[in-house]
PDB file of N, CA and C in Angstrom:
ATOM      1  N   UNK A   1       5.881  -6.054   9.278  1.00  0.00           N
ATOM      2  CA  UNK A   1       5.687  -6.977   8.177  1.00  0.00           C
ATOM      3  C   UNK A   1       6.812  -8.006   8.221  1.00  0.00           C
ATOM      4  N   UNK A   2       6.424  -9.259   8.227  1.00  0.00           N
ATOM      5  CA  UNK A   2       7.387 -10.350   8.172  1.00  0.00           C
ATOM      6  C   UNK A   2       7.304 -10.961   6.772  1.00  0.00           C
ATOM      7  N   UNK A   3       8.331 -10.733   5.967  1.00  0.00           N
ATOM      8  CA  UNK A   3       8.295 -11.192   4.576  1.00  0.00           C
ATOM      9  C   UNK A   3       8.484 -12.706   4.446  1.00  0.00           C
ATOM     10  N   UNK A   4       8.942 -13.369   5.486  1.00  0.00           N
ATOM     11  CA  UNK A   4       9.074 -14.831   5.433  1.00  0.00           C
ATOM     12  C   UNK A   4       7.744 -15.522   5.692  1.00  0.00           C
ATOM     13  N   UNK A   5       7.020 -15.054   6.696  1.00  0.00           N
ATOM     14  CA  UNK A   5       5.729 -15.666   7.031  1.00  0.00           C
ATOM     15  C   UNK A   5       4.555 -14.943   6.367  1.00  0.00           C
ATOM     16  N   UNK A   6       4.837 -13.777   5.808  1.00  0.00           N
ATOM     17  CA  UNK A   6       3.821 -12.918   5.176  1.00  0.00           C
ATOM     18  C   UNK A   6       2.767 -12.445   6.187  1.00  0.00           C
ATOM     19  N   UNK A   7       3.182 -12.294   7.434  1.00  0.00           N
ATOM     20  CA  UNK A   7       2.286 -11.765   8.462  1.00  0.00           C
ATOM     21  C   UNK A   7       2.495 -10.261   8.581  1.00  0.00           C
ATOM     22  N   UNK A   8       1.402  -9.568   8.832  1.00  0.00           N
ATOM     23  CA  UNK A   8       1.442  -8.118   8.997  1.00  0.00           C
ATOM     24  C   UNK A   8       0.778  -7.768  10.320  1.00  0.00           C
ATOM     25  N   UNK A   9       1.463  -6.930  11.081  1.00  0.00           N
ATOM     26  CA  UNK A   9       0.952  -6.489  12.382  1.00  0.00           C
ATOM     27  C   UNK A   9       0.975  -4.971  12.428  1.00  0.00           C
ATOM     28  N   UNK A  10      -0.011  -4.407  13.081  1.00  0.00           N
ATOM     29  CA  UNK A  10      -0.014  -2.981  13.402  1.00  0.00           C
ATOM     30  C   UNK A  10      -0.161  -2.910  14.907  1.00  0.00           C
ATOM     31  N   UNK A  11       0.958  -2.693  15.569  1.00  0.00           N
ATOM     32  CA  UNK A  11       0.967  -2.759  17.026  1.00  0.00           C
ATOM     33  C   UNK A  11       0.707  -4.197  17.455  1.00  0.00           C
ATOM     34  N   UNK A  12      -0.285  -4.406  18.287  1.00  0.00           N
ATOM     35  CA  UNK A  12      -0.649  -5.742  18.777  1.00  0.00           C
ATOM     36  C   UNK A  12      -1.664  -6.442  17.870  1.00  0.00           C
ATOM     37  N   UNK A  13      -2.148  -5.733  16.852  1.00  0.00           N
ATOM     38  CA  UNK A  13      -3.228  -6.249  16.009  1.00  0.00           C
ATOM     39  C   UNK A  13      -2.682  -6.892  14.734  1.00  0.00           C
ATOM     40  N   UNK A  14      -3.012  -8.169  14.535  1.00  0.00           N
ATOM     41  CA  UNK A  14      -2.622  -8.859  13.308  1.00  0.00           C
ATOM     42  C   UNK A  14      -3.597  -8.464  12.206  1.00  0.00           C
ATOM     43  N   UNK A  15      -3.056  -8.191  11.021  1.00  0.00           N
ATOM     44  CA  UNK A  15      -3.874  -7.744   9.900  1.00  0.00           C
ATOM     45  C   UNK A  15      -3.875  -8.817   8.821  1.00  0.00           C
ATOM     46  N   UNK A  16      -5.062  -9.267   8.466  1.00  0.00           N
ATOM     47  CA  UNK A  16      -5.214 -10.266   7.402  1.00  0.00           C
ATOM     48  C   UNK A  16      -5.339  -9.542   6.063  1.00  0.00           C
ATOM     49  N   UNK A  17      -4.438  -9.856   5.135  1.00  0.00           N
ATOM     50  CA  UNK A  17      -4.434  -9.209   3.832  1.00  0.00           C
ATOM     51  C   UNK A  17      -4.561 -10.236   2.710  1.00  0.00           C
ATOM     52  N   UNK A  18      -5.168  -9.809   1.612  1.00  0.00           N
ATOM     53  CA  UNK A  18      -5.173 -10.646   0.416  1.00  0.00           C
ATOM     54  C   UNK A  18      -3.772 -10.596  -0.193  1.00  0.00           C
ATOM     55  N   UNK A  19      -3.504 -11.452  -1.150  1.00  0.00           N
ATOM     56  CA  UNK A  19      -2.188 -11.449  -1.805  1.00  0.00           C
ATOM     57  C   UNK A  19      -1.881 -10.104  -2.447  1.00  0.00           C
ATOM     58  N   UNK A  20      -2.855  -9.507  -3.098  1.00  0.00           N
ATOM     59  CA  UNK A  20      -2.640  -8.218  -3.764  1.00  0.00           C
ATOM     60  C   UNK A  20      -2.409  -7.112  -2.744  1.00  0.00           C
ATOM     61  N   UNK A  21      -3.183  -7.087  -1.670  1.00  0.00           N
ATOM     62  CA  UNK A  21      -2.982  -6.088  -0.619  1.00  0.00           C
ATOM     63  C   UNK A  21      -1.592  -6.234  -0.009  1.00  0.00           C
ATOM     64  N   UNK A  22      -1.172  -7.471   0.218  1.00  0.00           N
ATOM     65  CA  UNK A  22       0.161  -7.712   0.757  1.00  0.00           C
ATOM     66  C   UNK A  22       1.225  -7.186  -0.210  1.00  0.00           C
ATOM     67  N   UNK A  23       1.066  -7.457  -1.502  1.00  0.00           N
ATOM     68  CA  UNK A  23       2.034  -6.995  -2.505  1.00  0.00           C
ATOM     69  C   UNK A  23       2.158  -5.480  -2.511  1.00  0.00           C
ATOM     70  N   UNK A  24       1.028  -4.808  -2.395  1.00  0.00           N
ATOM     71  CA  UNK A  24       1.045  -3.343  -2.380  1.00  0.00           C
ATOM     72  C   UNK A  24       1.741  -2.822  -1.129  1.00  0.00           C
ATOM     73  N   UNK A  25       1.403  -3.371   0.037  1.00  0.00           N
ATOM     74  CA  UNK A  25       2.038  -2.940   1.279  1.00  0.00           C
ATOM     75  C   UNK A  25       3.537  -3.251   1.265  1.00  0.00           C
ATOM     76  N   UNK A  26       3.891  -4.410   0.765  1.00  0.00           N
ATOM     77  CA  UNK A  26       5.310  -4.779   0.662  1.00  0.00           C
ATOM     78  C   UNK A  26       6.057  -3.800  -0.229  1.00  0.00           C
ATOM     79  N   UNK A  27       5.436  -3.392  -1.300  1.00  0.00           N
ATOM     80  CA  UNK A  27       6.051  -2.405  -2.198  1.00  0.00           C
ATOM     81  C   UNK A  27       6.361  -1.120  -1.443  1.00  0.00           C
ATOM     82  N   UNK A  28       5.384  -0.628  -0.690  1.00  0.00           N
ATOM     83  CA  UNK A  28       5.602   0.593   0.083  1.00  0.00           C
ATOM     84  C   UNK A  28       6.695   0.411   1.136  1.00  0.00           C
ATOM     85  N   UNK A  29       6.668  -0.701   1.835  1.00  0.00           N
ATOM     86  CA  UNK A  29       7.568  -0.892   2.978  1.00  0.00           C
ATOM     87  C   UNK A  29       8.997  -1.265   2.594  1.00  0.00           C
ATOM     88  N   UNK A  30       9.203  -1.745   1.383  1.00  0.00           N
ATOM     89  CA  UNK A  30      10.556  -2.154   0.994  1.00  0.00           C
ATOM     90  C   UNK A  30      11.268  -1.113   0.149  1.00  0.00           C
ATOM     91  N   UNK A  31      10.669   0.037  -0.036  1.00  0.00           N
ATOM     92  CA  UNK A  31      11.330   1.117  -0.752  1.00  0.00           C
ATOM     93  C   UNK A  31      12.325   1.776   0.186  1.00  0.00           C
ATOM     94  N   UNK A  32      13.457   2.216  -0.335  1.00  0.00           N
ATOM     95  CA  UNK A  32      14.528   2.721   0.533  1.00  0.00           C
ATOM     96  C   UNK A  32      14.200   3.981   1.318  1.00  0.00           C
ATOM     97  N   UNK A  33      13.308   4.802   0.823  1.00  0.00           N
ATOM     98  CA  UNK A  33      13.019   6.054   1.515  1.00  0.00           C
ATOM     99  C   UNK A  33      11.620   6.029   2.099  1.00  0.00           C
ATOM    100  N   UNK A  34      11.543   6.106   3.401  1.00  0.00           N
ATOM    101  CA  UNK A  34      10.258   6.245   4.087  1.00  0.00           C
ATOM    102  C   UNK A  34       9.694   7.607   3.713  1.00  0.00           C
ATOM    103  N   UNK A  35       8.444   7.644   3.345  1.00  0.00           N
ATOM    104  CA  UNK A  35       7.837   8.905   2.939  1.00  0.00           C
ATOM    105  C   UNK A  35       8.005   9.207   1.468  1.00  0.00           C
ATOM    106  N   UNK A  36       8.599   8.281   0.699  1.00  0.00           N
ATOM    107  CA  UNK A  36       8.804   8.479  -0.730  1.00  0.00           C
ATOM    108  C   UNK A  36       7.464   8.484  -1.456  1.00  0.00           C
ATOM    109  N   UNK A  37       7.269   9.408  -2.377  1.00  0.00           N
ATOM    110  CA  UNK A  37       6.022   9.525  -3.129  1.00  0.00           C
ATOM    111  C   UNK A  37       6.008   8.516  -4.266  1.00  0.00           C
ATOM    112  N   UNK A  38       5.024   7.635  -4.278  1.00  0.00           N
ATOM    113  CA  UNK A  38       4.911   6.603  -5.297  1.00  0.00           C
ATOM    114  C   UNK A  38       3.858   7.008  -6.312  1.00  0.00           C
ATOM    115  N   UNK A  39       4.254   7.104  -7.559  1.00  0.00           N
ATOM    116  CA  UNK A  39       3.302   7.390  -8.625  1.00  0.00           C
ATOM    117  C   UNK A  39       2.513   6.121  -8.894  1.00  0.00           C
ATOM    118  N   UNK A  40       1.306   6.261  -9.350  1.00  0.00           N
ATOM    119  CA  UNK A  40       0.428   5.124  -9.597  1.00  0.00           C
ATOM    120  C   UNK A  40       1.028   4.077 -10.502  1.00  0.00           C
ATOM    121  N   UNK A  41       1.703   4.504 -11.559  1.00  0.00           N
ATOM    122  CA  UNK A  41       2.253   3.542 -12.508  1.00  0.00           C
ATOM    123  C   UNK A  41       3.352   2.693 -11.880  1.00  0.00           C
ATOM    124  N   UNK A  42       4.150   3.266 -10.988  1.00  0.00           N
ATOM    125  CA  UNK A  42       5.213   2.501 -10.318  1.00  0.00           C
ATOM    126  C   UNK A  42       4.608   1.396  -9.468  1.00  0.00           C
ATOM    127  N   UNK A  43       3.583   1.732  -8.725  1.00  0.00           N
ATOM    128  CA  UNK A  43       2.912   0.771  -7.865  1.00  0.00           C
ATOM    129  C   UNK A  43       2.244  -0.322  -8.694  1.00  0.00           C
ATOM    130  N   UNK A  44       1.562   0.069  -9.738  1.00  0.00           N
ATOM    131  CA  UNK A  44       0.853  -0.903 -10.577  1.00  0.00           C
ATOM    132  C   UNK A  44       1.803  -1.860 -11.273  1.00  0.00           C
ATOM    133  N   UNK A  45       2.920  -1.353 -11.777  1.00  0.00           N
ATOM    134  CA  UNK A  45       3.889  -2.224 -12.447  1.00  0.00           C
ATOM    135  C   UNK A  45       4.444  -3.258 -11.481  1.00  0.00           C
ATOM    136  N   UNK A  46       4.622  -2.881 -10.215  1.00  0.00           N
ATOM    137  CA  UNK A  46       5.146  -3.809  -9.229  1.00  0.00           C
ATOM    138  C   UNK A  46       4.083  -4.796  -8.751  1.00  0.00           C
ATOM    139  N   UNK A  47       2.905  -4.302  -8.406  1.00  0.00           N
ATOM    140  CA  UNK A  47       1.864  -5.149  -7.828  1.00  0.00           C
ATOM    141  C   UNK A  47       1.172  -6.047  -8.851  1.00  0.00           C
ATOM    142  N   UNK A  48       1.085  -5.567 -10.093  1.00  0.00           N
ATOM    143  CA  UNK A  48       0.374  -6.345 -11.108  1.00  0.00           C
ATOM    144  C   UNK A  48       1.314  -6.971 -12.140  1.00  0.00           C
ATOM    145  N   UNK A  49       2.597  -6.667 -12.074  1.00  0.00           N
ATOM    146  CA  UNK A  49       3.608  -7.243 -12.968  1.00  0.00           C
ATOM    147  C   UNK A  49       3.415  -6.913 -14.443  1.00  0.00           C
ATOM    148  N   UNK A  50       2.736  -5.860 -14.752  1.00  0.00           N
ATOM    149  CA  UNK A  50       2.669  -5.360 -16.120  1.00  0.00           C
ATOM    150  C   UNK A  50       2.327  -3.879 -16.082  1.00  0.00           C
ATOM    151  N   UNK A  51       2.537  -3.203 -17.200  1.00  0.00           N
ATOM    152  CA  UNK A  51       2.383  -1.758 -17.233  1.00  0.00           C
ATOM    153  C   UNK A  51       0.937  -1.328 -17.466  1.00  0.00           C
ATOM    154  N   UNK A  52       0.577  -0.261 -16.798  1.00  0.00           N
ATOM    155  CA  UNK A  52      -0.703   0.398 -17.024  1.00  0.00           C
ATOM    156  C   UNK A  52      -0.418   1.710 -17.738  1.00  0.00           C
ATOM    157  N   UNK A  53      -1.382   2.198 -18.474  1.00  0.00           N
ATOM    158  CA  UNK A  53      -1.225   3.500 -19.116  1.00  0.00           C
ATOM    159  C   UNK A  53      -1.575   4.635 -18.168  1.00  0.00           C
ATOM    160  N   UNK A  54      -2.316   4.322 -17.120  1.00  0.00           N
ATOM    161  CA  UNK A  54      -2.747   5.371 -16.187  1.00  0.00           C
ATOM    162  C   UNK A  54      -3.023   4.765 -14.818  1.00  0.00           C
ATOM    163  N   UNK A  55      -3.158   5.621 -13.827  1.00  0.00           N
ATOM    164  CA  UNK A  55      -3.515   5.215 -12.470  1.00  0.00           C
ATOM    165  C   UNK A  55      -4.946   4.696 -12.539  1.00  0.00           C
ATOM    166  N   UNK A  56      -5.144   3.440 -12.278  1.00  0.00           N
ATOM    167  CA  UNK A  56      -6.456   2.824 -12.493  1.00  0.00           C
ATOM    168  C   UNK A  56      -7.336   2.840 -11.253  1.00  0.00           C
ATOM    169  N   UNK A  57      -8.612   2.700 -11.515  1.00  0.00           N
ATOM    170  CA  UNK A  57      -9.599   2.632 -10.451  1.00  0.00           C
ATOM    171  C   UNK A  57      -9.353   1.406  -9.572  1.00  0.00           C
ATOM    172  N   UNK A  58      -8.912   0.311 -10.184  1.00  0.00           N
ATOM    173  CA  UNK A  58      -8.623  -0.911  -9.433  1.00  0.00           C
ATOM    174  C   UNK A  58      -7.529  -0.669  -8.391  1.00  0.00           C
ATOM    175  N   UNK A  59      -6.486   0.033  -8.752  1.00  0.00           N
ATOM    176  CA  UNK A  59      -5.401   0.341  -7.806  1.00  0.00           C
ATOM    177  C   UNK A  59      -5.907   1.177  -6.641  1.00  0.00           C
ATOM    178  N   UNK A  60      -6.705   2.174  -6.948  1.00  0.00           N
ATOM    179  CA  UNK A  60      -7.245   3.029  -5.892  1.00  0.00           C
ATOM    180  C   UNK A  60      -8.149   2.233  -4.957  1.00  0.00           C
ATOM    181  N   UNK A  61      -8.899   1.276  -5.508  1.00  0.00           N
ATOM    182  CA  UNK A  61      -9.750   0.419  -4.696  1.00  0.00           C
ATOM    183  C   UNK A  61      -8.916  -0.407  -3.713  1.00  0.00           C
ATOM    184  N   UNK A  62      -7.819  -0.988  -4.196  1.00  0.00           N
ATOM    185  CA  UNK A  62      -6.958  -1.783  -3.311  1.00  0.00           C
ATOM    186  C   UNK A  62      -6.311  -0.924  -2.233  1.00  0.00           C
ATOM    187  N   UNK A  63      -5.882   0.269  -2.588  1.00  0.00           N
ATOM    188  CA  UNK A  63      -5.300   1.190  -1.591  1.00  0.00           C
ATOM    189  C   UNK A  63      -6.346   1.511  -0.525  1.00  0.00           C
ATOM    190  N   UNK A  64      -7.562   1.760  -0.928  1.00  0.00           N
ATOM    191  CA  UNK A  64      -8.637   2.072   0.014  1.00  0.00           C
ATOM    192  C   UNK A  64      -8.904   0.905   0.962  1.00  0.00           C
ATOM    193  N   UNK A  65      -8.960  -0.310   0.414  1.00  0.00           N
ATOM    194  CA  UNK A  65      -9.177  -1.497   1.245  1.00  0.00           C
ATOM    195  C   UNK A  65      -8.022  -1.708   2.219  1.00  0.00           C
ATOM    196  N   UNK A  66      -6.814  -1.483   1.749  1.00  0.00           N
ATOM    197  CA  UNK A  66      -5.626  -1.627   2.584  1.00  0.00           C
ATOM    198  C   UNK A  66      -5.648  -0.619   3.733  1.00  0.00           C
ATOM    199  N   UNK A  67      -6.020   0.607   3.439  1.00  0.00           N
ATOM    200  CA  UNK A  67      -6.129   1.636   4.490  1.00  0.00           C
ATOM    201  C   UNK A  67      -7.112   1.208   5.576  1.00  0.00           C
ATOM    202  N   UNK A  68      -8.272   0.705   5.165  1.00  0.00           N
ATOM    203  CA  UNK A  68      -9.284   0.284   6.140  1.00  0.00           C
ATOM    204  C   UNK A  68      -8.770  -0.806   7.062  1.00  0.00           C
ATOM    205  N   UNK A  69      -7.975  -1.715   6.515  1.00  0.00           N
ATOM    206  CA  UNK A  69      -7.466  -2.822   7.336  1.00  0.00           C
ATOM    207  C   UNK A  69      -6.333  -2.387   8.252  1.00  0.00           C
ATOM    208  N   UNK A  70      -5.509  -1.479   7.812  1.00  0.00           N
ATOM    209  CA  UNK A  70      -4.323  -1.076   8.577  1.00  0.00           C
ATOM    210  C   UNK A  70      -4.645  -0.035   9.641  1.00  0.00           C
ATOM    211  N   UNK A  71      -5.396   0.968   9.259  1.00  0.00           N
ATOM    212  CA  UNK A  71      -5.651   2.089  10.166  1.00  0.00           C
ATOM    213  C   UNK A  71      -6.664   1.724  11.234  1.00  0.00           C
ATOM    214  N   UNK A  72      -6.328   2.055  12.471  1.00  0.00           N
ATOM    215  CA  UNK A  72      -7.255   1.836  13.574  1.00  0.00           C
ATOM    216  C   UNK A  72      -8.279   2.956  13.652  1.00  0.00           C
ATOM    217  N   UNK A  73      -9.297   2.743  14.438  1.00  0.00           N
ATOM    218  CA  UNK A  73     -10.334   3.768  14.610  1.00  0.00           C
ATOM    219  C   UNK A  73      -9.733   5.043  15.183  1.00  0.00           C
ATOM    220  N   UNK A  74     -10.030   6.149  14.551  1.00  0.00           N
ATOM    221  CA  UNK A  74      -9.575   7.446  15.029  1.00  0.00           C
ATOM    222  C   UNK A  74      -8.119   7.764  14.759  1.00  0.00           C
ATOM    223  N   UNK A  75      -7.397   6.866  14.075  1.00  0.00           N
ATOM    224  CA  UNK A  75      -5.987   7.115  13.758  1.00  0.00           C
ATOM    225  C   UNK A  75      -5.862   7.771  12.390  1.00  0.00           C
ATOM    226  N   UNK A  76      -4.799   8.545  12.222  1.00  0.00           N
ATOM    227  CA  UNK A  76      -4.501   9.088  10.903  1.00  0.00           C
ATOM    228  C   UNK A  76      -4.084   7.951   9.991  1.00  0.00           C
ATOM    229  N   UNK A  77      -4.385   8.072   8.719  1.00  0.00           N
ATOM    230  CA  UNK A  77      -4.051   7.038   7.756  1.00  0.00           C
ATOM    231  C   UNK A  77      -2.539   6.965   7.541  1.00  0.00           C
ATOM    232  N   UNK A  78      -2.002   5.754   7.535  1.00  0.00           N
ATOM    233  CA  UNK A  78      -0.574   5.565   7.274  1.00  0.00           C
ATOM    234  C   UNK A  78      -0.253   5.679   5.794  1.00  0.00           C
ATOM    235  N   UNK A  79      -1.226   5.335   4.947  1.00  0.00           N
ATOM    236  CA  UNK A  79      -1.052   5.444   3.497  1.00  0.00           C
ATOM    237  C   UNK A  79      -1.876   6.634   3.040  1.00  0.00           C
ATOM    238  N   UNK A  80      -1.197   7.627   2.479  1.00  0.00           N
ATOM    239  CA  UNK A  80      -1.881   8.859   2.106  1.00  0.00           C
ATOM    240  C   UNK A  80      -1.724   9.123   0.614  1.00  0.00           C
ATOM    241  N   UNK A  81      -2.816   9.579   0.004  1.00  0.00           N
ATOM    242  CA  UNK A  81      -2.795   9.960  -1.404  1.00  0.00           C
ATOM    243  C   UNK A  81      -2.622  11.467  -1.482  1.00  0.00           C
ATOM    244  N   UNK A  82      -1.653  11.895  -2.261  1.00  0.00           N
ATOM    245  CA  UNK A  82      -1.411  13.319  -2.479  1.00  0.00           C
ATOM    246  C   UNK A  82      -1.875  13.606  -3.902  1.00  0.00           C
ATOM    247  N   UNK A  83      -2.952  14.314  -4.015  1.00  0.00           N
ATOM    248  CA  UNK A  83      -3.562  14.552  -5.311  1.00  0.00           C
ATOM    249  C   UNK A  83      -2.573  15.124  -6.315  1.00  0.00           C
ATOM    250  N   UNK A  84      -2.525  14.484  -7.476  1.00  0.00           N
ATOM    251  CA  UNK A  84      -1.651  14.947  -8.554  1.00  0.00           C
ATOM    252  C   UNK A  84      -0.205  14.541  -8.390  1.00  0.00           C
ATOM    253  N   UNK A  85       0.141  13.899  -7.261  1.00  0.00           N
ATOM    254  CA  UNK A  85       1.536  13.542  -7.021  1.00  0.00           C
ATOM    255  C   UNK A  85       1.742  12.039  -6.854  1.00  0.00           C
ATOM    256  N   UNK A  86       0.871  11.371  -6.116  1.00  0.00           N
ATOM    257  CA  UNK A  86       1.036   9.940  -5.891  1.00  0.00           C
ATOM    258  C   UNK A  86       0.567   9.532  -4.520  1.00  0.00           C
ATOM    259  N   UNK A  87       1.119   8.427  -4.039  1.00  0.00           N
ATOM    260  CA  UNK A  87       0.742   7.855  -2.750  1.00  0.00           C
ATOM    261  C   UNK A  87       1.990   7.699  -1.899  1.00  0.00           C
ATOM    262  N   UNK A  88       1.840   7.908  -0.593  1.00  0.00           N
ATOM    263  CA  UNK A  88       2.991   7.873   0.302  1.00  0.00           C
ATOM    264  C   UNK A  88       2.636   7.098   1.573  1.00  0.00           C
ATOM    265  N   UNK A  89       3.600   6.340   2.089  1.00  0.00           N
ATOM    266  CA  UNK A  89       3.477   5.667   3.376  1.00  0.00           C
ATOM    267  C   UNK A  89       4.190   6.534   4.393  1.00  0.00           C
ATOM    268  N   UNK A  90       3.468   6.972   5.411  1.00  0.00           N
ATOM    269  CA  UNK A  90       4.065   7.859   6.434  1.00  0.00           C
ATOM    270  C   UNK A  90       4.156   7.150   7.757  1.00  0.00           C
TER     271      UNK A  90
END
């Protein structure tokens, strides 16, 4: 991820992201601990700039779309949801 040009690459493949998808990926990638578990509310407050009362369907939809764009065929997902705990970038 190049935060100056806002380009995202996975290996040799350039990934086109919407502004919201980019914001979510940037949130995951700029956290100090790789593998850190992100609760839905933390992600939503950062990506949407206001507080949610709960992990929303909209957030899960964006995570799903982001996974489809990032993960190659037959590869394990880099963004994983841990039920009851949150979401993690591995």
